[in-house]
Amino acid sequence: MFAISLGDDGAELRPLDPWHAEEFLIHMDRGREFIGQHMGLPDVVTDLESSRAFLRMYVEKAAADEARIYGIWTEDQLVGGVHFRTMDVEQGTAEAGCWLEPSAVGSGLVTRAARVIIEWAIEERGIHRVEWRVSAANAPSIAVAQRLGMSKDGVLRESYLYRGKRHDMEVWSVLAPEWRASRHAS
């Protein structure tokens, strides 16, 4: 197993694998209502079987080099995650995303974790464009995109049907040269 430190507070980024299914389900249960405000993950992970199947799907996609998923742990407790929902190495594109349970909000964990995976995607996998698609109503996630130095590409009006209602989705992105320039400017 590997873990990447996310700072002096002991937070770590680790791969999420099917053997984490029970812990993942417990985490989802703690944050189900909060996480489900803007994304369907809590609707997919509802019991141990669906939790295991969801994580297995990401293992299979990782094996095909099409996606990745990582958990964020604080004090040895899973509190959130970041992922590449899609990854097309040939085209040099990836879509990153995140979730966090309420107990971990406000400490910069998602921003720090997203920086790690974006750096890896750009420098190790040769990804040229990383996208961040977010509900226009999800101000905290939009703030993460801004902290990551992403540019708002536009709004996909009423493009996301979620729980019977259409939502606007904002598309944010960072290109590899922009990422590298911002990293060197810091």
C-alpha atoms as a PDB file:
ATOM      1  CA  MET A   1       0.000   0.000   0.000  1.00  0.00           C
ATOM      2  CA  PHE A   2       1.131   3.538  -0.549  1.00  0.00           C
ATOM      3  CA  ALA A   3       0.039   6.765   1.010  1.00  0.00           C
ATOM      4  CA  ILE A   4       0.892  10.309   0.004  1.00  0.00           C
ATOM      5  CA  SER A   5       0.986  12.908   2.741  1.00  0.00           C
ATOM      6  CA  LEU A   6      -1.300  15.873   2.177  1.00  0.00           C
ATOM      7  CA  GLY A   7       0.433  18.067   4.758  1.00  0.00           C
ATOM      8  CA  ASP A   8       1.418  18.462   8.361  1.00  0.00           C
ATOM      9  CA  ASP A   9      -2.065  17.593   9.645  1.00  0.00           C
ATOM     10  CA  GLY A  10      -1.548  13.867   8.980  1.00  0.00           C
ATOM     11  CA  ALA A  11      -4.028  13.691   6.096  1.00  0.00           C
ATOM     12  CA  GLU A  12      -3.183  11.124   3.433  1.00  0.00           C
ATOM     13  CA  LEU A  13      -4.179  10.252  -0.103  1.00  0.00           C
ATOM     14  CA  ARG A  14      -4.426   6.512  -0.785  1.00  0.00           C
ATOM     15  CA  PRO A  15      -5.846   4.325  -3.544  1.00  0.00           C
ATOM     16  CA  LEU A  16      -9.411   3.140  -2.967  1.00  0.00           C
ATOM     17  CA  ASP A  17      -9.709  -0.565  -3.740  1.00  0.00           C
ATOM     18  CA  PRO A  18     -12.514  -3.127  -3.444  1.00  0.00           C
ATOM     19  CA  TRP A  19     -11.149  -4.320  -0.099  1.00  0.00           C
ATOM     20  CA  HIS A  20     -12.078  -0.840   1.236  1.00  0.00           C
ATOM     21  CA  ALA A  21     -15.760  -1.476   0.392  1.00  0.00           C
ATOM     22  CA  GLU A  22     -17.004  -1.634   3.964  1.00  0.00           C
ATOM     23  CA  GLU A  23     -15.064   1.463   5.020  1.00  0.00           C
ATOM     24  CA  PHE A  24     -16.228   3.253   1.865  1.00  0.00           C
ATOM     25  CA  LEU A  25     -19.866   2.415   2.633  1.00  0.00           C
ATOM     26  CA  ILE A  26     -19.541   3.617   6.242  1.00  0.00           C
ATOM     27  CA  HIS A  27     -17.957   6.847   4.965  1.00  0.00           C
ATOM     28  CA  MET A  28     -20.752   7.282   2.426  1.00  0.00           C
ATOM     29  CA  ASP A  29     -23.376   6.708   5.129  1.00  0.00           C
ATOM     30  CA  ARG A  30     -21.805   9.440   7.295  1.00  0.00           C
ATOM     31  CA  GLY A  31     -21.899  11.942   4.433  1.00  0.00           C
ATOM     32  CA  ARG A  32     -24.746  10.628   2.285  1.00  0.00           C
ATOM     33  CA  GLU A  33     -27.046  13.652   2.503  1.00  0.00           C
ATOM     34  CA  PHE A  34     -24.241  16.215   2.225  1.00  0.00           C
ATOM     35  CA  ILE A  35     -22.381  14.478  -0.622  1.00  0.00           C
ATOM     36  CA  GLY A  36     -25.667  13.795  -2.429  1.00  0.00           C
ATOM     37  CA  GLN A  37     -26.524  17.479  -2.739  1.00  0.00           C
ATOM     38  CA  HIS A  38     -24.606  17.717  -6.015  1.00  0.00           C
ATOM     39  CA  MET A  39     -23.537  14.248  -7.119  1.00  0.00           C
ATOM     40  CA  GLY A  40     -25.040  10.812  -7.498  1.00  0.00           C
ATOM     41  CA  LEU A  41     -22.335   8.810  -5.716  1.00  0.00           C
ATOM     42  CA  PRO A  42     -24.476   8.238  -2.597  1.00  0.00           C
ATOM     43  CA  ASP A  43     -27.275   6.951  -4.829  1.00  0.00           C
ATOM     44  CA  VAL A  44     -24.900   4.369  -6.344  1.00  0.00           C
ATOM     45  CA  VAL A  45     -23.169   3.216  -3.131  1.00  0.00           C
ATOM     46  CA  THR A  46     -26.068   2.051  -0.975  1.00  0.00           C
ATOM     47  CA  ASP A  47     -24.938  -1.280   0.485  1.00  0.00           C
ATOM     48  CA  LEU A  48     -21.815  -3.430   0.740  1.00  0.00           C
ATOM     49  CA  GLU A  49     -22.376  -5.111  -2.616  1.00  0.00           C
ATOM     50  CA  SER A  50     -22.818  -1.814  -4.498  1.00  0.00           C
ATOM     51  CA  SER A  51     -19.835  -0.319  -2.665  1.00  0.00           C
ATOM     52  CA  ARG A  52     -17.623  -3.225  -3.705  1.00  0.00           C
ATOM     53  CA  ALA A  53     -18.958  -3.107  -7.289  1.00  0.00           C
ATOM     54  CA  PHE A  54     -18.291   0.629  -7.546  1.00  0.00           C
ATOM     55  CA  LEU A  55     -14.705   0.262  -6.359  1.00  0.00           C
ATOM     56  CA  ARG A  56     -14.191  -2.806  -8.571  1.00  0.00           C
ATOM     57  CA  MET A  57     -15.378  -0.776 -11.564  1.00  0.00           C
ATOM     58  CA  TYR A  58     -12.630   1.768 -10.858  1.00  0.00           C
ATOM     59  CA  VAL A  59     -10.009  -0.990 -10.552  1.00  0.00           C
ATOM     60  CA  GLU A  60     -11.063  -2.274 -13.969  1.00  0.00           C
ATOM     61  CA  LYS A  61     -11.014   1.229 -15.445  1.00  0.00           C
ATOM     62  CA  ALA A  62      -7.583   1.865 -13.909  1.00  0.00           C
ATOM     63  CA  ALA A  63      -6.313  -1.370 -15.467  1.00  0.00           C
ATOM     64  CA  ALA A  64      -7.556  -0.068 -18.837  1.00  0.00           C
ATOM     65  CA  ASP A  65      -5.955   3.344 -18.076  1.00  0.00           C
ATOM     66  CA  GLU A  66      -9.369   5.041 -18.252  1.00  0.00           C
ATOM     67  CA  ALA A  67      -9.961   6.292 -14.683  1.00  0.00           C
ATOM     68  CA  ARG A  68      -8.535   6.394 -11.134  1.00  0.00           C
ATOM     69  CA  ILE A  69      -9.973   6.777  -7.626  1.00  0.00           C
ATOM     70  CA  TYR A  70      -8.267   7.766  -4.375  1.00  0.00           C
ATOM     71  CA  GLY A  71      -9.462   8.207  -0.824  1.00  0.00           C
ATOM     72  CA  ILE A  72      -8.607  10.999   1.579  1.00  0.00           C
ATOM     73  CA  TRP A  73      -7.922   9.821   5.118  1.00  0.00           C
ATOM     74  CA  THR A  74      -7.529  11.898   8.263  1.00  0.00           C
ATOM     75  CA  GLU A  75      -6.583  10.241  11.541  1.00  0.00           C
ATOM     76  CA  ASP A  76      -6.886   6.899   9.716  1.00  0.00           C
ATOM     77  CA  GLN A  77     -10.531   7.553   8.794  1.00  0.00           C
ATOM     78  CA  LEU A  78     -11.778   7.825   5.213  1.00  0.00           C
ATOM     79  CA  VAL A  79     -13.389  11.285   4.893  1.00  0.00           C
ATOM     80  CA  GLY A  80     -13.510  11.938   1.144  1.00  0.00           C
ATOM     81  CA  GLY A  81     -11.912  11.316  -2.182  1.00  0.00           C
ATOM     82  CA  VAL A  82     -10.742  12.532  -5.537  1.00  0.00           C
ATOM     83  CA  HIS A  83     -10.879  10.740  -8.822  1.00  0.00           C
ATOM     84  CA  PHE A  84     -10.404  10.887 -12.526  1.00  0.00           C
ATOM     85  CA  ARG A  85     -13.902   9.996 -13.625  1.00  0.00           C
ATOM     86  CA  THR A  86     -12.551   9.682 -17.147  1.00  0.00           C
ATOM     87  CA  MET A  87      -9.060   9.625 -18.539  1.00  0.00           C
ATOM     88  CA  ASP A  88      -8.113   9.434 -22.214  1.00  0.00           C
ATOM     89  CA  VAL A  89      -4.333   9.231 -22.372  1.00  0.00           C
ATOM     90  CA  GLU A  90      -4.288   9.109 -26.179  1.00  0.00           C
ATOM     91  CA  GLN A  91      -6.223  12.395 -26.391  1.00  0.00           C
ATOM     92  CA  GLY A  92      -4.466  13.812 -23.326  1.00  0.00           C
ATOM     93  CA  THR A  93      -7.667  14.613 -21.426  1.00  0.00           C
ATOM     94  CA  ALA A  94      -9.036  13.738 -18.015  1.00  0.00           C
ATOM     95  CA  GLU A  95     -11.986  14.784 -15.890  1.00  0.00           C
ATOM     96  CA  ALA A  96     -11.236  15.164 -12.184  1.00  0.00           C
ATOM     97  CA  GLY A  97     -13.782  15.265  -9.410  1.00  0.00           C
ATOM     98  CA  CYS A  98     -14.143  15.086  -5.653  1.00  0.00           C
ATOM     99  CA  TRP A  99     -16.384  14.508  -2.656  1.00  0.00           C
ATOM    100  CA  LEU A 100     -16.033  15.112   1.058  1.00  0.00           C
ATOM    101  CA  GLU A 101     -18.085  14.330   4.125  1.00  0.00           C
ATOM    102  CA  PRO A 102     -19.157  17.274   6.308  1.00  0.00           C
ATOM    103  CA  SER A 103     -16.669  16.585   9.124  1.00  0.00           C
ATOM    104  CA  ALA A 104     -13.739  17.280   6.782  1.00  0.00           C
ATOM    105  CA  VAL A 105     -15.010  20.422   5.051  1.00  0.00           C
ATOM    106  CA  GLY A 106     -12.983  23.620   5.252  1.00  0.00           C
ATOM    107  CA  SER A 107      -9.490  22.252   5.773  1.00  0.00           C
ATOM    108  CA  GLY A 108      -8.306  22.315   2.158  1.00  0.00           C
ATOM    109  CA  LEU A 109      -8.146  18.536   1.842  1.00  0.00           C
ATOM    110  CA  VAL A 110      -9.792  18.345  -1.579  1.00  0.00           C
ATOM    111  CA  THR A 111      -7.602  21.091  -3.020  1.00  0.00           C
ATOM    112  CA  ARG A 112      -4.435  19.421  -1.717  1.00  0.00           C
ATOM    113  CA  ALA A 113      -5.517  15.982  -2.954  1.00  0.00           C
ATOM    114  CA  ALA A 114      -6.566  17.307  -6.363  1.00  0.00           C
ATOM    115  CA  ARG A 115      -3.176  18.982  -6.759  1.00  0.00           C
ATOM    116  CA  VAL A 116      -1.479  15.627  -6.220  1.00  0.00           C
ATOM    117  CA  ILE A 117      -3.528  13.765  -8.819  1.00  0.00           C
ATOM    118  CA  ILE A 118      -3.411  16.582 -11.376  1.00  0.00           C
ATOM    119  CA  GLU A 119       0.367  16.797 -11.014  1.00  0.00           C
ATOM    120  CA  TRP A 120       0.590  13.033 -11.532  1.00  0.00           C
ATOM    121  CA  ALA A 121      -1.719  13.094 -14.569  1.00  0.00           C
ATOM    122  CA  ILE A 122       0.177  15.892 -16.271  1.00  0.00           C
ATOM    123  CA  GLU A 123       3.736  14.907 -15.427  1.00  0.00           C
ATOM    124  CA  GLU A 124       3.502  11.099 -15.325  1.00  0.00           C
ATOM    125  CA  ARG A 125       0.713  10.308 -17.777  1.00  0.00           C
ATOM    126  CA  GLY A 126       1.122  13.184 -20.223  1.00  0.00           C
ATOM    127  CA  ILE A 127      -2.378  14.566 -19.795  1.00  0.00           C
ATOM    128  CA  HIS A 128      -2.688  17.950 -21.498  1.00  0.00           C
ATOM    129  CA  ARG A 129      -6.136  19.069 -20.291  1.00  0.00           C
ATOM    130  CA  VAL A 130      -7.738  18.350 -16.926  1.00  0.00           C
ATOM    131  CA  GLU A 131     -11.412  19.241 -16.625  1.00  0.00           C
ATOM    132  CA  TRP A 132     -13.495  19.865 -13.524  1.00  0.00           C
ATOM    133  CA  ARG A 133     -17.253  19.571 -14.182  1.00  0.00           C
ATOM    134  CA  VAL A 134     -19.361  20.896 -11.355  1.00  0.00           C
ATOM    135  CA  SER A 135     -22.945  21.797 -10.631  1.00  0.00           C
ATOM    136  CA  ALA A 136     -23.317  25.566 -10.942  1.00  0.00           C
ATOM    137  CA  ALA A 137     -24.901  25.458  -7.464  1.00  0.00           C
ATOM    138  CA  ASN A 138     -21.854  23.791  -5.867  1.00  0.00           C
ATOM    139  CA  ALA A 139     -19.912  26.850  -4.689  1.00  0.00           C
ATOM    140  CA  PRO A 140     -17.334  24.906  -2.616  1.00  0.00           C
ATOM    141  CA  SER A 141     -16.331  22.749  -5.588  1.00  0.00           C
ATOM    142  CA  ILE A 142     -16.149  25.812  -7.848  1.00  0.00           C
ATOM    143  CA  ALA A 143     -13.851  27.404  -5.262  1.00  0.00           C
ATOM    144  CA  VAL A 144     -11.587  24.338  -5.475  1.00  0.00           C
ATOM    145  CA  ALA A 145     -11.381  24.721  -9.261  1.00  0.00           C
ATOM    146  CA  GLN A 146     -10.396  28.363  -8.778  1.00  0.00           C
ATOM    147  CA  ARG A 147      -7.755  27.495  -6.145  1.00  0.00           C
ATOM    148  CA  LEU A 148      -6.338  24.947  -8.579  1.00  0.00           C
ATOM    149  CA  GLY A 149      -5.835  27.733 -11.135  1.00  0.00           C
ATOM    150  CA  MET A 150      -8.467  26.451 -13.513  1.00  0.00           C
ATOM    151  CA  SER A 151     -10.293  28.628 -16.007  1.00  0.00           C
ATOM    152  CA  LYS A 152     -14.039  28.560 -16.433  1.00  0.00           C
ATOM    153  CA  ASP A 153     -14.720  27.330 -19.956  1.00  0.00           C
ATOM    154  CA  GLY A 154     -18.465  27.798 -19.803  1.00  0.00           C
ATOM    155  CA  VAL A 155     -21.801  26.509 -18.601  1.00  0.00           C
ATOM    156  CA  LEU A 156     -23.645  23.514 -19.980  1.00  0.00           C
ATOM    157  CA  ARG A 157     -27.181  24.711 -19.357  1.00  0.00           C
ATOM    158  CA  GLU A 158     -29.550  22.130 -17.842  1.00  0.00           C
ATOM    159  CA  SER A 159     -27.249  19.340 -19.029  1.00  0.00           C
ATOM    160  CA  TYR A 160     -27.267  17.237 -15.858  1.00  0.00           C
ATOM    161  CA  LEU A 161     -30.436  15.397 -14.894  1.00  0.00           C
ATOM    162  CA  TYR A 162     -30.151  14.631 -11.206  1.00  0.00           C
ATOM    163  CA  ARG A 163     -32.921  13.339  -8.993  1.00  0.00           C
ATOM    164  CA  GLY A 164     -35.547  14.398 -11.504  1.00  0.00           C
ATOM    165  CA  LYS A 165     -34.333  17.970 -11.948  1.00  0.00           C
ATOM    166  CA  ARG A 166     -32.106  19.505 -14.621  1.00  0.00           C
ATOM    167  CA  HIS A 167     -29.000  21.330 -13.410  1.00  0.00           C
ATOM    168  CA  ASP A 168     -26.506  23.635 -15.078  1.00  0.00           C
ATOM    169  CA  MET A 169     -22.968  22.281 -15.121  1.00  0.00           C
ATOM    170  CA  GLU A 170     -19.910  24.505 -15.184  1.00  0.00           C
ATOM    171  CA  VAL A 171     -16.829  23.270 -17.005  1.00  0.00           C
ATOM    172  CA  TRP A 172     -13.467  24.380 -15.621  1.00  0.00           C
ATOM    173  CA  SER A 173     -10.086  23.289 -16.937  1.00  0.00           C
ATOM    174  CA  VAL A 174      -6.366  23.668 -16.666  1.00  0.00           C
ATOM    175  CA  LEU A 175      -3.918  22.937 -19.469  1.00  0.00           C
ATOM    176  CA  ALA A 176      -0.525  21.368 -18.825  1.00  0.00           C
ATOM    177  CA  PRO A 177       1.459  24.532 -19.709  1.00  0.00           C
ATOM    178  CA  GLU A 178      -0.754  26.615 -17.384  1.00  0.00           C
ATOM    179  CA  TRP A 179      -0.342  24.060 -14.589  1.00  0.00           C
ATOM    180  CA  ARG A 180       3.429  24.061 -14.941  1.00  0.00           C
ATOM    181  CA  ALA A 181       3.604  27.865 -15.083  1.00  0.00           C
ATOM    182  CA  SER A 182       1.504  28.242 -11.942  1.00  0.00           C
ATOM    183  CA  ARG A 183       3.602  25.658 -10.117  1.00  0.00           C
ATOM    184  CA  HIS A 184       6.802  27.537 -10.944  1.00  0.00           C
ATOM    185  CA  ALA A 185       5.254  30.884  -9.987  1.00  0.00           C
ATOM    186  CA  SER A 186       4.533  29.657  -6.442  1.00  0.00           C
END
